[in-house]
mmCIF file of all heavy atoms, coordinates in Angstrom:
data_MODEL
# 
_entry.id   MODEL 
# 
loop_
_atom_site.group_PDB 
_atom_site.id 
_atom_site.type_symbol 
_atom_site.label_atom_id 
_atom_site.label_alt_id 
_atom_site.label_comp_id 
_atom_site.label_asym_id 
_atom_site.label_entity_id 
_atom_site.label_seq_id 
_atom_site.pdbx_PDB_ins_code 
_atom_site.Cartn_x 
_atom_site.Cartn_y 
_atom_site.Cartn_z 
_atom_site.occupancy 
_atom_site.B_iso_or_equiv 
_atom_site.pdbx_formal_charge 
_atom_site.auth_seq_id 
_atom_site.auth_comp_id 
_atom_site.auth_asym_id 
_atom_site.auth_atom_id 
_atom_site.pdbx_PDB_model_num 
ATOM 1   N N   . GLY A 1 1  ? -109.381 365.066 189.465 1.00 0.00 ? 1  GLY A N   1 
ATOM 2   C CA  . GLY A 1 1  ? -108.700 366.239 189.991 1.00 0.00 ? 1  GLY A CA  1 
ATOM 3   C C   . GLY A 1 1  ? -108.938 366.397 191.487 1.00 0.00 ? 1  GLY A C   1 
ATOM 4   O O   . GLY A 1 1  ? -108.051 366.803 192.238 1.00 0.00 ? 1  GLY A O   1 
ATOM 5   N N   . GLN A 1 2  ? -110.148 366.064 191.920 1.00 0.00 ? 2  GLN A N   1 
ATOM 6   C CA  . GLN A 1 2  ? -110.455 366.128 193.344 1.00 0.00 ? 2  GLN A CA  1 
ATOM 7   C C   . GLN A 1 2  ? -109.687 365.057 194.114 1.00 0.00 ? 2  GLN A C   1 
ATOM 8   O O   . GLN A 1 2  ? -109.309 365.262 195.275 1.00 0.00 ? 2  GLN A O   1 
ATOM 9   C CB  . GLN A 1 2  ? -111.962 365.940 193.560 1.00 0.00 ? 2  GLN A CB  1 
ATOM 10  C CG  . GLN A 1 2  ? -112.820 367.090 193.090 1.00 0.00 ? 2  GLN A CG  1 
ATOM 11  C CD  . GLN A 1 2  ? -112.809 368.275 194.051 1.00 0.00 ? 2  GLN A CD  1 
ATOM 12  O OE1 . GLN A 1 2  ? -112.047 368.304 195.000 1.00 0.00 ? 2  GLN A OE1 1 
ATOM 13  N NE2 . GLN A 1 2  ? -113.669 369.241 193.798 1.00 0.00 ? 2  GLN A NE2 1 
ATOM 14  N N   . LEU A 1 3  ? -109.444 363.933 193.480 1.00 0.00 ? 3  LEU A N   1 
ATOM 15  C CA  . LEU A 1 3  ? -108.736 362.837 194.148 1.00 0.00 ? 3  LEU A CA  1 
ATOM 16  C C   . LEU A 1 3  ? -107.303 363.215 194.512 1.00 0.00 ? 3  LEU A C   1 
ATOM 17  O O   . LEU A 1 3  ? -106.741 362.684 195.478 1.00 0.00 ? 3  LEU A O   1 
ATOM 18  C CB  . LEU A 1 3  ? -108.716 361.589 193.257 1.00 0.00 ? 3  LEU A CB  1 
ATOM 19  C CG  . LEU A 1 3  ? -109.987 360.747 193.216 1.00 0.00 ? 3  LEU A CG  1 
ATOM 20  C CD1 . LEU A 1 3  ? -109.859 359.646 192.169 1.00 0.00 ? 3  LEU A CD1 1 
ATOM 21  C CD2 . LEU A 1 3  ? -110.273 360.140 194.596 1.00 0.00 ? 3  LEU A CD2 1 
ATOM 22  N N   . ILE A 1 4  ? -106.695 364.116 193.743 1.00 0.00 ? 4  ILE A N   1 
ATOM 23  C CA  . ILE A 1 4  ? -105.307 364.498 194.029 1.00 0.00 ? 4  ILE A CA  1 
ATOM 24  C C   . ILE A 1 4  ? -105.225 365.897 194.644 1.00 0.00 ? 4  ILE A C   1 
ATOM 25  O O   . ILE A 1 4  ? -104.166 366.535 194.607 1.00 0.00 ? 4  ILE A O   1 
ATOM 26  C CB  . ILE A 1 4  ? -104.424 364.420 192.761 1.00 0.00 ? 4  ILE A CB  1 
ATOM 27  C CG1 . ILE A 1 4  ? -104.946 365.411 191.691 1.00 0.00 ? 4  ILE A CG1 1 
ATOM 28  C CG2 . ILE A 1 4  ? -104.374 363.011 192.221 1.00 0.00 ? 4  ILE A CG2 1 
ATOM 29  C CD1 . ILE A 1 4  ? -103.912 365.719 190.645 1.00 0.00 ? 4  ILE A CD1 1 
ATOM 30  N N   . ALA A 1 5  ? -106.324 366.386 195.180 1.00 0.00 ? 5  ALA A N   1 
ATOM 31  C CA  . ALA A 1 5  ? -106.336 367.722 195.799 1.00 0.00 ? 5  ALA A CA  1 
ATOM 32  C C   . ALA A 1 5  ? -105.577 367.682 197.117 1.00 0.00 ? 5  ALA A C   1 
ATOM 33  O O   . ALA A 1 5  ? -106.164 367.644 198.202 1.00 0.00 ? 5  ALA A O   1 
ATOM 34  C CB  . ALA A 1 5  ? -107.772 368.180 196.008 1.00 0.00 ? 5  ALA A CB  1 
ATOM 35  N N   . ARG A 1 6  ? -104.256 367.665 196.988 1.00 0.00 ? 6  ARG A N   1 
ATOM 36  C CA  . ARG A 1 6  ? -103.368 367.610 198.134 1.00 0.00 ? 6  ARG A CA  1 
ATOM 37  C C   . ARG A 1 6  ? -102.344 368.748 198.013 1.00 0.00 ? 6  ARG A C   1 
ATOM 38  O O   . ARG A 1 6  ? -102.007 369.168 196.901 1.00 0.00 ? 6  ARG A O   1 
ATOM 39  C CB  . ARG A 1 6  ? -102.627 366.272 198.182 1.00 0.00 ? 6  ARG A CB  1 
ATOM 40  C CG  . ARG A 1 6  ? -103.517 365.055 198.265 1.00 0.00 ? 6  ARG A CG  1 
ATOM 41  C CD  . ARG A 1 6  ? -104.228 364.971 199.608 1.00 0.00 ? 6  ARG A CD  1 
ATOM 42  N NE  . ARG A 1 6  ? -105.019 363.755 199.731 1.00 0.00 ? 6  ARG A NE  1 
ATOM 43  C CZ  . ARG A 1 6  ? -106.287 363.642 199.345 1.00 0.00 ? 6  ARG A CZ  1 
ATOM 44  N NH1 . ARG A 1 6  ? -106.903 364.702 198.826 1.00 0.00 ? 6  ARG A NH1 1 
ATOM 45  N NH2 . ARG A 1 6  ? -106.948 362.504 199.497 1.00 0.00 ? 6  ARG A NH2 1 
ATOM 46  N N   . PRO A 1 7  ? -101.834 369.251 199.143 1.00 0.00 ? 7  PRO A N   1 
ATOM 47  C CA  . PRO A 1 7  ? -100.920 370.405 199.096 1.00 0.00 ? 7  PRO A CA  1 
ATOM 48  C C   . PRO A 1 7  ? -99.740  370.233 198.146 1.00 0.00 ? 7  PRO A C   1 
ATOM 49  O O   . PRO A 1 7  ? -99.373  371.174 197.429 1.00 0.00 ? 7  PRO A O   1 
ATOM 50  C CB  . PRO A 1 7  ? -100.468 370.531 200.549 1.00 0.00 ? 7  PRO A CB  1 
ATOM 51  C CG  . PRO A 1 7  ? -101.622 370.025 201.345 1.00 0.00 ? 7  PRO A CG  1 
ATOM 52  C CD  . PRO A 1 7  ? -102.182 368.889 200.529 1.00 0.00 ? 7  PRO A CD  1 
ATOM 53  N N   . ILE A 1 8  ? -99.122  369.044 198.103 1.00 0.00 ? 8  ILE A N   1 
ATOM 54  C CA  . ILE A 1 8  ? -97.943  368.860 197.255 1.00 0.00 ? 8  ILE A CA  1 
ATOM 55  C C   . ILE A 1 8  ? -98.287  369.058 195.779 1.00 0.00 ? 8  ILE A C   1 
ATOM 56  O O   . ILE A 1 8  ? -97.515  369.665 195.026 1.00 0.00 ? 8  ILE A O   1 
ATOM 57  C CB  . ILE A 1 8  ? -97.307  367.478 197.505 1.00 0.00 ? 8  ILE A CB  1 
ATOM 58  C CG1 . ILE A 1 8  ? -95.997  367.362 196.694 1.00 0.00 ? 8  ILE A CG1 1 
ATOM 59  C CG2 . ILE A 1 8  ? -98.264  366.343 197.141 1.00 0.00 ? 8  ILE A CG2 1 
ATOM 60  C CD1 . ILE A 1 8  ? -95.214  366.101 197.006 1.00 0.00 ? 8  ILE A CD1 1 
ATOM 61  N N   . PHE A 1 9  ? -99.444  368.563 195.362 1.00 0.00 ? 9  PHE A N   1 
ATOM 62  C CA  . PHE A 1 9  ? -99.846  368.723 193.964 1.00 0.00 ? 9  PHE A CA  1 
ATOM 63  C C   . PHE A 1 9  ? -100.359 370.138 193.702 1.00 0.00 ? 9  PHE A C   1 
ATOM 64  O O   . PHE A 1 9  ? -100.055 370.739 192.667 1.00 0.00 ? 9  PHE A O   1 
ATOM 65  C CB  . PHE A 1 9  ? -100.921 367.702 193.609 1.00 0.00 ? 9  PHE A CB  1 
ATOM 66  C CG  . PHE A 1 9  ? -100.449 366.275 193.673 1.00 0.00 ? 9  PHE A CG  1 
ATOM 67  C CD1 . PHE A 1 9  ? -101.051 365.365 194.529 1.00 0.00 ? 9  PHE A CD1 1 
ATOM 68  C CD2 . PHE A 1 9  ? -99.413  365.841 192.875 1.00 0.00 ? 9  PHE A CD2 1 
ATOM 69  C CE1 . PHE A 1 9  ? -100.621 364.053 194.599 1.00 0.00 ? 9  PHE A CE1 1 
ATOM 70  C CE2 . PHE A 1 9  ? -98.963  364.525 192.921 1.00 0.00 ? 9  PHE A CE2 1 
ATOM 71  C CZ  . PHE A 1 9  ? -99.573  363.630 193.798 1.00 0.00 ? 9  PHE A CZ  1 
ATOM 72  N N   . ASP A 1 10 ? -101.135 370.674 194.634 1.00 0.00 ? 10 ASP A N   1 
ATOM 73  C CA  . ASP A 1 10 ? -101.705 372.004 194.431 1.00 0.00 ? 10 ASP A CA  1 
ATOM 74  C C   . ASP A 1 10 ? -100.630 373.081 194.357 1.00 0.00 ? 10 ASP A C   1 
ATOM 75  O O   . ASP A 1 10 ? -100.749 374.041 193.581 1.00 0.00 ? 10 ASP A O   1 
ATOM 76  C CB  . ASP A 1 10 ? -102.710 372.341 195.524 1.00 0.00 ? 10 ASP A CB  1 
ATOM 77  C CG  . ASP A 1 10 ? -104.057 371.665 195.305 1.00 0.00 ? 10 ASP A CG  1 
ATOM 78  O OD1 . ASP A 1 10 ? -104.187 370.914 194.318 1.00 0.00 ? 10 ASP A OD1 1 
ATOM 79  O OD2 . ASP A 1 10 ? -104.977 371.891 196.123 1.00 0.00 ? 10 ASP A OD2 1 
ATOM 80  N N   . ARG A 1 11 ? -99.570  372.939 195.155 1.00 0.00 ? 11 ARG A N   1 
ATOM 81  C CA  . ARG A 1 11 ? -98.481  373.914 195.069 1.00 0.00 ? 11 ARG A CA  1 
ATOM 82  C C   . ARG A 1 11 ? -97.847  373.916 193.683 1.00 0.00 ? 11 ARG A C   1 
ATOM 83  O O   . ARG A 1 11 ? -97.568  374.972 193.106 1.00 0.00 ? 11 ARG A O   1 
ATOM 84  C CB  . ARG A 1 11 ? -97.420  373.637 196.139 1.00 0.00 ? 11 ARG A CB  1 
ATOM 85  C CG  . ARG A 1 11 ? -97.805  374.087 197.539 1.00 0.00 ? 11 ARG A CG  1 
ATOM 86  C CD  . ARG A 1 11 ? -96.594  374.089 198.466 1.00 0.00 ? 11 ARG A CD  1 
ATOM 87  N NE  . ARG A 1 11 ? -96.068  372.753 198.683 1.00 0.00 ? 11 ARG A NE  1 
ATOM 88  C CZ  . ARG A 1 11 ? -96.444  371.957 199.675 1.00 0.00 ? 11 ARG A CZ  1 
ATOM 89  N NH1 . ARG A 1 11 ? -97.391  372.344 200.526 1.00 0.00 ? 11 ARG A NH1 1 
ATOM 90  N NH2 . ARG A 1 11 ? -95.908  370.757 199.823 1.00 0.00 ? 11 ARG A NH2 1 
ATOM 91  N N   . ALA A 1 12 ? -97.626  372.730 193.136 1.00 0.00 ? 12 ALA A N   1 
ATOM 92  C CA  . ALA A 1 12 ? -97.029  372.620 191.797 1.00 0.00 ? 12 ALA A CA  1 
ATOM 93  C C   . ALA A 1 12 ? -97.967  373.199 190.736 1.00 0.00 ? 12 ALA A C   1 
ATOM 94  O O   . ALA A 1 12 ? -97.538  373.935 189.840 1.00 0.00 ? 12 ALA A O   1 
ATOM 95  C CB  . ALA A 1 12 ? -96.699  371.175 191.490 1.00 0.00 ? 12 ALA A CB  1 
ATOM 96  N N   . VAL A 1 13 ? -99.259  372.868 190.839 1.00 0.00 ? 13 VAL A N   1 
ATOM 97  C CA  . VAL A 1 13 ? -100.222 373.354 189.856 1.00 0.00 ? 13 VAL A CA  1 
ATOM 98  C C   . VAL A 1 13 ? -100.329 374.876 189.922 1.00 0.00 ? 13 VAL A C   1 
ATOM 99  O O   . VAL A 1 13 ? -100.394 375.552 188.875 1.00 0.00 ? 13 VAL A O   1 
ATOM 100 C CB  . VAL A 1 13 ? -101.598 372.696 190.078 1.00 0.00 ? 13 VAL A CB  1 
ATOM 101 C CG1 . VAL A 1 13 ? -102.663 373.399 189.239 1.00 0.00 ? 13 VAL A CG1 1 
ATOM 102 C CG2 . VAL A 1 13 ? -101.539 371.208 189.714 1.00 0.00 ? 13 VAL A CG2 1 
ATOM 103 N N   . LYS A 1 14 ? -100.330 375.436 191.119 1.00 0.00 ? 14 LYS A N   1 
ATOM 104 C CA  . LYS A 1 14 ? -100.459 376.893 191.243 1.00 0.00 ? 14 LYS A CA  1 
ATOM 105 C C   . LYS A 1 14 ? -99.241  377.603 190.660 1.00 0.00 ? 14 LYS A C   1 
ATOM 106 O O   . LYS A 1 14 ? -99.355  378.717 190.124 1.00 0.00 ? 14 LYS A O   1 
ATOM 107 C CB  . LYS A 1 14 ? -100.665 377.276 192.705 1.00 0.00 ? 14 LYS A CB  1 
ATOM 108 C CG  . LYS A 1 14 ? -102.071 376.936 193.211 1.00 0.00 ? 14 LYS A CG  1 
ATOM 109 C CD  . LYS A 1 14 ? -102.246 377.250 194.673 1.00 0.00 ? 14 LYS A CD  1 
ATOM 110 C CE  . LYS A 1 14 ? -103.656 376.896 195.138 1.00 0.00 ? 14 LYS A CE  1 
ATOM 111 N NZ  . LYS A 1 14 ? -103.858 377.167 196.593 1.00 0.00 ? 14 LYS A NZ  1 
ATOM 112 N N   . LYS A 1 15 ? -98.075  376.978 190.728 1.00 0.00 ? 15 LYS A N   1 
ATOM 113 C CA  . LYS A 1 15 ? -96.900  377.546 190.068 1.00 0.00 ? 15 LYS A CA  1 
ATOM 114 C C   . LYS A 1 15 ? -97.110  377.605 188.559 1.00 0.00 ? 15 LYS A C   1 
ATOM 115 O O   . LYS A 1 15 ? -96.777  378.597 187.903 1.00 0.00 ? 15 LYS A O   1 
ATOM 116 C CB  . LYS A 1 15 ? -95.663  376.722 190.394 1.00 0.00 ? 15 LYS A CB  1 
ATOM 117 C CG  . LYS A 1 15 ? -95.124  376.916 191.809 1.00 0.00 ? 15 LYS A CG  1 
ATOM 118 C CD  . LYS A 1 15 ? -93.857  376.101 192.019 1.00 0.00 ? 15 LYS A CD  1 
ATOM 119 C CE  . LYS A 1 15 ? -93.294  376.308 193.407 1.00 0.00 ? 15 LYS A CE  1 
ATOM 120 N NZ  . LYS A 1 15 ? -92.071  375.518 193.642 1.00 0.00 ? 15 LYS A NZ  1 
ATOM 121 N N   . ILE A 1 16 ? -97.683  376.537 188.010 1.00 0.00 ? 16 ILE A N   1 
ATOM 122 C CA  . ILE A 1 16 ? -97.967  376.499 186.574 1.00 0.00 ? 16 ILE A CA  1 
ATOM 123 C C   . ILE A 1 16 ? -98.961  377.598 186.205 1.00 0.00 ? 16 ILE A C   1 
ATOM 124 O O   . ILE A 1 16 ? -98.799  378.307 185.202 1.00 0.00 ? 16 ILE A O   1 
ATOM 125 C CB  . ILE A 1 16 ? -98.520  375.113 186.171 1.00 0.00 ? 16 ILE A CB  1 
ATOM 126 C CG1 . ILE A 1 16 ? -97.453  374.031 186.394 1.00 0.00 ? 16 ILE A CG1 1 
ATOM 127 C CG2 . ILE A 1 16 ? -98.976  375.115 184.702 1.00 0.00 ? 16 ILE A CG2 1 
ATOM 128 C CD1 . ILE A 1 16 ? -97.978  372.611 186.295 1.00 0.00 ? 16 ILE A CD1 1 
ATOM 129 N N   . LEU A 1 17 ? -99.991  377.770 187.023 1.00 0.00 ? 17 LEU A N   1 
ATOM 130 C CA  . LEU A 1 17 ? -100.997 378.800 186.748 1.00 0.00 ? 17 LEU A CA  1 
ATOM 131 C C   . LEU A 1 17 ? -100.391 380.201 186.770 1.00 0.00 ? 17 LEU A C   1 
ATOM 132 O O   . LEU A 1 17 ? -100.823 381.092 186.041 1.00 0.00 ? 17 LEU A O   1 
ATOM 133 C CB  . LEU A 1 17 ? -102.121 378.733 187.784 1.00 0.00 ? 17 LEU A CB  1 
ATOM 134 C CG  . LEU A 1 17 ? -102.958 377.442 187.839 1.00 0.00 ? 17 LEU A CG  1 
ATOM 135 C CD1 . LEU A 1 17 ? -104.109 377.608 188.818 1.00 0.00 ? 17 LEU A CD1 1 
ATOM 136 C CD2 . LEU A 1 17 ? -103.483 377.057 186.469 1.00 0.00 ? 17 LEU A CD2 1 
ATOM 137 N N   . ASP A 1 18 ? -99.380  380.393 187.620 1.00 0.00 ? 18 ASP A N   1 
ATOM 138 C CA  . ASP A 1 18 ? -98.730  381.703 187.745 1.00 0.00 ? 18 ASP A CA  1 
ATOM 139 C C   . ASP A 1 18 ? -97.613  381.900 186.748 1.00 0.00 ? 18 ASP A C   1 
ATOM 140 O O   . ASP A 1 18 ? -96.925  382.931 186.773 1.00 0.00 ? 18 ASP A O   1 
ATOM 141 C CB  . ASP A 1 18 ? -98.182  381.880 189.161 1.00 0.00 ? 18 ASP A CB  1 
ATOM 142 C CG  . ASP A 1 18 ? -99.277  382.012 190.216 1.00 0.00 ? 18 ASP A CG  1 
ATOM 143 O OD1 . ASP A 1 18 ? -100.410 382.368 189.835 1.00 0.00 ? 18 ASP A OD1 1 
ATOM 144 O OD2 . ASP A 1 18 ? -99.005  381.737 191.402 1.00 0.00 ? 18 ASP A OD2 1 
ATOM 145 N N   . GLY A 1 19 ? -97.376  380.901 185.869 1.00 0.00 ? 19 GLY A N   1 
ATOM 146 C CA  . GLY A 1 19 ? -96.319  381.023 184.877 1.00 0.00 ? 19 GLY A CA  1 
ATOM 147 C C   . GLY A 1 19 ? -94.940  380.765 185.422 1.00 0.00 ? 19 GLY A C   1 
ATOM 148 O O   . GLY A 1 19 ? -93.931  381.130 184.794 1.00 0.00 ? 19 GLY A O   1 
ATOM 149 N N   . ARG A 1 20 ? -94.863  380.148 186.604 1.00 0.00 ? 20 ARG A N   1 
ATOM 150 C CA  . ARG A 1 20 ? -93.574  379.833 187.207 1.00 0.00 ? 20 ARG A CA  1 
ATOM 151 C C   . ARG A 1 20 ? -93.191  378.381 186.917 1.00 0.00 ? 20 ARG A C   1 
ATOM 152 O O   . ARG A 1 20 ? -94.012  377.577 186.512 1.00 0.00 ? 20 ARG A O   1 
ATOM 153 C CB  . ARG A 1 20 ? -93.611  380.056 188.722 1.00 0.00 ? 20 ARG A CB  1 
ATOM 154 C CG  . ARG A 1 20 ? -93.789  381.513 189.111 1.00 0.00 ? 20 ARG A CG  1 
ATOM 155 C CD  . ARG A 1 20 ? -93.781  381.672 190.636 1.00 0.00 ? 20 ARG A CD  1 
ATOM 156 N NE  . ARG A 1 20 ? -95.003  381.156 191.225 1.00 0.00 ? 20 ARG A NE  1 
ATOM 157 C CZ  . ARG A 1 20 ? -95.071  380.605 192.428 1.00 0.00 ? 20 ARG A CZ  1 
ATOM 158 N NH1 . ARG A 1 20 ? -93.965  380.441 193.148 1.00 0.00 ? 20 ARG A NH1 1 
ATOM 159 N NH2 . ARG A 1 20 ? -96.217  380.182 192.914 1.00 0.00 ? 20 ARG A NH2 1 
ATOM 160 N N   . ARG A 1 21 ? -91.948  378.072 187.125 1.00 0.00 ? 21 ARG A N   1 
ATOM 161 C CA  . ARG A 1 21 ? -91.463  376.724 186.853 1.00 0.00 ? 21 ARG A CA  1 
ATOM 162 C C   . ARG A 1 21 ? -91.878  375.779 187.984 1.00 0.00 ? 21 ARG A C   1 
ATOM 163 O O   . ARG A 1 21 ? -91.637  376.059 189.160 1.00 0.00 ? 21 ARG A O   1 
ATOM 164 C CB  . ARG A 1 21 ? -89.943  376.737 186.727 1.00 0.00 ? 21 ARG A CB  1 
ATOM 165 C CG  . ARG A 1 21 ? -89.356  375.383 186.332 1.00 0.00 ? 21 ARG A CG  1 
ATOM 166 C CD  . ARG A 1 21 ? -87.847  375.449 186.294 1.00 0.00 ? 21 ARG A CD  1 
ATOM 167 N NE  . ARG A 1 21 ? -87.267  374.151 185.960 1.00 0.00 ? 21 ARG A NE  1 
ATOM 168 C CZ  . ARG A 1 21 ? -86.041  373.781 186.311 1.00 0.00 ? 21 ARG A CZ  1 
ATOM 169 N NH1 . ARG A 1 21 ? -85.278  374.608 186.990 1.00 0.00 ? 21 ARG A NH1 1 
ATOM 170 N NH2 . ARG A 1 21 ? -85.575  372.595 185.973 1.00 0.00 ? 21 ARG A NH2 1 
ATOM 171 N N   . ALA A 1 22 ? -92.494  374.676 187.617 1.00 0.00 ? 22 ALA A N   1 
ATOM 172 C CA  . ALA A 1 22 ? -92.865  373.651 188.572 1.00 0.00 ? 22 ALA A CA  1 
ATOM 173 C C   . ALA A 1 22 ? -91.939  372.458 188.371 1.00 0.00 ? 22 ALA A C   1 
ATOM 174 O O   . ALA A 1 22 ? -91.970  371.820 187.306 1.00 0.00 ? 22 ALA A O   1 
ATOM 175 C CB  . ALA A 1 22 ? -94.317  373.245 188.395 1.00 0.00 ? 22 ALA A CB  1 
ATOM 176 N N   . LEU A 1 23 ? -91.120  372.173 189.368 1.00 0.00 ? 23 LEU A N   1 
ATOM 177 C CA  . LEU A 1 23 ? -90.128  371.111 189.219 1.00 0.00 ? 23 LEU A CA  1 
ATOM 178 C C   . LEU A 1 23 ? -90.768  369.740 188.999 1.00 0.00 ? 23 LEU A C   1 
ATOM 179 O O   . LEU A 1 23 ? -90.166  368.849 188.391 1.00 0.00 ? 23 LEU A O   1 
ATOM 180 C CB  . LEU A 1 23 ? -89.226  371.060 190.451 1.00 0.00 ? 23 LEU A CB  1 
ATOM 181 C CG  . LEU A 1 23 ? -88.345  372.304 190.688 1.00 0.00 ? 23 LEU A CG  1 
ATOM 182 C CD1 . LEU A 1 23 ? -87.545  372.153 191.965 1.00 0.00 ? 23 LEU A CD1 1 
ATOM 183 C CD2 . LEU A 1 23 ? -87.415  372.535 189.494 1.00 0.00 ? 23 LEU A CD2 1 
ATOM 184 N N   . LEU A 1 24 ? -92.007  369.592 189.473 1.00 0.00 ? 24 LEU A N   1 
ATOM 185 C CA  . LEU A 1 24 ? -92.677  368.305 189.332 1.00 0.00 ? 24 LEU A CA  1 
ATOM 186 C C   . LEU A 1 24 ? -93.323  368.106 187.964 1.00 0.00 ? 24 LEU A C   1 
ATOM 187 O O   . LEU A 1 24 ? -93.725  366.991 187.621 1.00 0.00 ? 24 LEU A O   1 
ATOM 188 C CB  . LEU A 1 24 ? -93.760  368.153 190.409 1.00 0.00 ? 24 LEU A CB  1 
ATOM 189 C CG  . LEU A 1 24 ? -93.281  367.963 191.853 1.00 0.00 ? 24 LEU A CG  1 
ATOM 190 C CD1 . LEU A 1 24 ? -94.464  367.896 192.800 1.00 0.00 ? 24 LEU A CD1 1 
ATOM 191 C CD2 . LEU A 1 24 ? -92.424  366.712 191.980 1.00 0.00 ? 24 LEU A CD2 1 
ATOM 192 N N   . LEU A 1 25 ? -93.436  369.182 187.161 1.00 0.00 ? 25 LEU A N   1 
ATOM 193 C CA  . LEU A 1 25 ? -94.142  369.077 185.886 1.00 0.00 ? 25 LEU A CA  1 
ATOM 194 C C   . LEU A 1 25 ? -93.549  368.001 184.969 1.00 0.00 ? 25 LEU A C   1 
ATOM 195 O O   . LEU A 1 25 ? -94.311  367.200 184.391 1.00 0.00 ? 25 LEU A O   1 
ATOM 196 C CB  . LEU A 1 25 ? -94.194  370.416 185.170 1.00 0.00 ? 25 LEU A CB  1 
ATOM 197 C CG  . LEU A 1 25 ? -94.993  370.437 183.855 1.00 0.00 ? 25 LEU A CG  1 
ATOM 198 C CD1 . LEU A 1 25 ? -96.443  369.998 184.098 1.00 0.00 ? 25 LEU A CD1 1 
ATOM 199 C CD2 . LEU A 1 25 ? -94.956  371.816 183.216 1.00 0.00 ? 25 LEU A CD2 1 
ATOM 200 N N   . PRO A 1 26 ? -92.238  367.931 184.773 1.00 0.00 ? 26 PRO A N   1 
ATOM 201 C CA  . PRO A 1 26 ? -91.708  366.865 183.910 1.00 0.00 ? 26 PRO A CA  1 
ATOM 202 C C   . PRO A 1 26 ? -92.100  365.472 184.400 1.00 0.00 ? 26 PRO A C   1 
ATOM 203 O O   . PRO A 1 26 ? -92.336  364.571 183.579 1.00 0.00 ? 26 PRO A O   1 
ATOM 204 C CB  . PRO A 1 26 ? -90.190  367.081 183.980 1.00 0.00 ? 26 PRO A CB  1 
ATOM 205 C CG  . PRO A 1 26 ? -90.023  368.519 184.307 1.00 0.00 ? 26 PRO A CG  1 
ATOM 206 C CD  . PRO A 1 26 ? -91.152  368.828 185.246 1.00 0.00 ? 26 PRO A CD  1 
ATOM 207 N N   . LEU A 1 27 ? -92.161  365.307 185.706 1.00 0.00 ? 27 LEU A N   1 
ATOM 208 C CA  . LEU A 1 27 ? -92.583  364.014 186.262 1.00 0.00 ? 27 LEU A CA  1 
ATOM 209 C C   . LEU A 1 27 ? -94.043  363.746 185.931 1.00 0.00 ? 27 LEU A C   1 
ATOM 210 O O   . LEU A 1 27 ? -94.412  362.627 185.542 1.00 0.00 ? 27 LEU A O   1 
ATOM 211 C CB  . LEU A 1 27 ? -92.362  364.001 187.771 1.00 0.00 ? 27 LEU A CB  1 
ATOM 212 C CG  . LEU A 1 27 ? -92.821  362.737 188.524 1.00 0.00 ? 27 LEU A CG  1 
ATOM 213 C CD1 . LEU A 1 27 ? -92.010  361.528 188.057 1.00 0.00 ? 27 LEU A CD1 1 
ATOM 214 C CD2 . LEU A 1 27 ? -92.659  362.931 190.030 1.00 0.00 ? 27 LEU A CD2 1 
ATOM 215 N N   . PHE A 1 28 ? -94.885  364.767 186.061 1.00 0.00 ? 28 PHE A N   1 
ATOM 216 C CA  . PHE A 1 28 ? -96.304  364.628 185.748 1.00 0.00 ? 28 PHE A CA  1 
ATOM 217 C C   . PHE A 1 28 ? -96.515  364.192 184.303 1.00 0.00 ? 28 PHE A C   1 
ATOM 218 O O   . PHE A 1 28 ? -97.429  363.417 183.999 1.00 0.00 ? 28 PHE A O   1 
ATOM 219 C CB  . PHE A 1 28 ? -97.040  365.958 185.956 1.00 0.00 ? 28 PHE A CB  1 
ATOM 220 C CG  . PHE A 1 28 ? -97.082  366.451 187.370 1.00 0.00 ? 28 PHE A CG  1 
ATOM 221 C CD1 . PHE A 1 28 ? -97.263  367.803 187.631 1.00 0.00 ? 28 PHE A CD1 1 
ATOM 222 C CD2 . PHE A 1 28 ? -96.920  365.588 188.441 1.00 0.00 ? 28 PHE A CD2 1 
ATOM 223 C CE1 . PHE A 1 28 ? -97.311  368.281 188.928 1.00 0.00 ? 28 PHE A CE1 1 
ATOM 224 C CE2 . PHE A 1 28 ? -96.953  366.059 189.755 1.00 0.00 ? 28 PHE A CE2 1 
ATOM 225 C CZ  . PHE A 1 28 ? -97.146  367.409 189.992 1.00 0.00 ? 28 PHE A CZ  1 
ATOM 226 N N   . LEU A 1 29 ? -95.682  364.703 183.405 1.00 0.00 ? 29 LEU A N   1 
ATOM 227 C CA  . LEU A 1 29 ? -95.894  364.483 181.972 1.00 0.00 ? 29 LEU A CA  1 
ATOM 228 C C   . LEU A 1 29 ? -95.364  363.142 181.469 1.00 0.00 ? 29 LEU A C   1 
ATOM 229 O O   . LEU A 1 29 ? -95.567  362.791 180.305 1.00 0.00 ? 29 LEU A O   1 
ATOM 230 C CB  . LEU A 1 29 ? -95.246  365.613 181.164 1.00 0.00 ? 29 LEU A CB  1 
ATOM 231 C CG  . LEU A 1 29 ? -95.786  367.027 181.416 1.00 0.00 ? 29 LEU A CG  1 
ATOM 232 C CD1 . LEU A 1 29 ? -95.068  368.025 180.526 1.00 0.00 ? 29 LEU A CD1 1 
ATOM 233 C CD2 . LEU A 1 29 ? -97.287  367.096 181.191 1.00 0.00 ? 29 LEU A CD2 1 
# 
């Protein structure tokens, strides 16, 4: 998790934490 601690990933993850749609999530999965 620390290895990918970059703004592009953190913005997507924070959207998930807030219950918002993260466009990158399908790609992650």
